[in-house]
Protein backbone atom coordinates (compact mmCIF):
# COMPACT_ATOMS: atom_id res chain seq x y z
CA MET A 1 3.08 -6.64 8.37
CA LEU A 2 -0.34 -5.25 9.26
CA LYS A 3 -0.74 -3.83 5.76
CA THR A 4 0.14 -7.23 4.26
CA MET A 5 -2.40 -8.99 6.47
CA THR A 6 -5.18 -6.54 5.67
CA PHE A 7 -4.41 -6.90 1.95
CA ALA A 8 -4.55 -10.70 2.25
CA ILE A 9 -7.92 -10.50 4.00
CA THR A 10 -9.21 -8.08 1.37
CA HIS A 11 -7.94 -10.31 -1.47
CA PHE A 12 -9.56 -13.40 0.07
CA THR A 13 -12.85 -11.58 0.63
CA VAL A 14 -13.00 -10.25 -2.93
CA ALA A 15 -12.05 -13.62 -4.45
CA PHE A 16 -14.62 -15.45 -2.33
CA THR A 17 -17.39 -12.94 -3.04
CA VAL A 18 -16.83 -12.93 -6.80
CA ALA A 19 -16.65 -16.74 -6.97
CA TRP A 20 -19.71 -17.14 -4.76
CA LEU A 21 -21.73 -14.63 -6.79
CA LEU A 22 -20.75 -16.35 -10.05
CA THR A 23 -21.44 -19.89 -8.84
CA GLY A 24 -23.93 -19.47 -6.00
CA ASN A 25 -21.92 -22.06 -4.05
CA PHE A 26 -20.12 -21.27 -0.78
CA VAL A 27 -17.78 -24.26 -1.06
CA VAL A 28 -16.68 -23.37 -4.59
CA GLY A 29 -16.28 -19.73 -3.51
CA GLY A 30 -14.09 -20.81 -0.60
CA LEU A 31 -11.96 -23.13 -2.71
CA ILE A 32 -11.39 -20.50 -5.36
CA ALA A 33 -10.55 -17.92 -2.71
CA LEU A 34 -7.90 -20.27 -1.30
CA VAL A 35 -6.46 -21.56 -4.58
CA GLU A 36 -6.41 -18.32 -6.58
CA PRO A 37 -3.89 -16.46 -4.37
CA ALA A 38 -1.53 -19.46 -4.45
CA VAL A 39 -1.70 -19.69 -8.24
CA ASN A 40 -1.33 -15.92 -8.52
CA THR A 41 1.80 -16.03 -6.34
CA VAL A 42 3.43 -18.61 -8.63
CA ALA A 43 2.42 -16.62 -11.72
CA TYR A 44 3.91 -13.47 -10.16
CA TYR A 45 7.22 -15.25 -9.58
CA PHE A 46 7.49 -16.17 -13.27
CA HIS A 47 6.31 -12.70 -14.29
CA GLU A 48 9.15 -11.15 -12.28
CA LYS A 49 11.68 -13.58 -13.77
CA ALA A 50 10.53 -12.65 -17.30
CA TRP A 51 10.81 -8.93 -16.57
CA GLU A 52 14.24 -9.46 -15.05
CA LYS A 53 15.34 -11.21 -18.24
CA ILE A 54 13.83 -8.46 -20.42
CA GLY A 55 15.61 -5.80 -18.34
CA LYS A 56 18.96 -7.55 -18.64
CA ALA A 57 18.50 -7.97 -22.40
CA GLY A 58 17.74 -4.25 -22.73
CA ILE A 59 20.79 -3.29 -20.70
CA GLU A 60 23.03 -5.52 -22.83
CA ALA A 61 21.58 -4.04 -26.00
CA GLY A 62 21.85 -0.51 -24.62
CA THR A 63 18.12 0.12 -24.97
CA GLU A 64 17.02 0.38 -21.35
CA VAL A 65 14.93 3.33 -20.27
CA LYS A 66 15.11 4.50 -16.68
CA THR A 67 12.19 6.28 -15.06
CA LYS A 68 12.66 9.15 -12.62
CA HIS A 69 12.36 6.54 -9.85
CA GLY A 70 15.27 4.52 -11.24
CA LEU A 71 13.13 1.73 -12.66
CA VAL A 72 14.31 0.07 -15.85
CA CYS A 73 11.69 -0.39 -18.54
């Protein structure tokens, strides 16, 4: 859990800093730093669903490729 928290703090700090440097506005920087991770989380969910569907399609077609770690590509 500590690793997750430190990553969240790092992500927020980077998002805020980039937005603030681009806009020169602390409020805009703060809003972007709060909204971007939420949007990114939703996008990640759909990304995972798409990859799950691609993986299943490959398995059904017999074209999956497994890495040495057991991941299906």
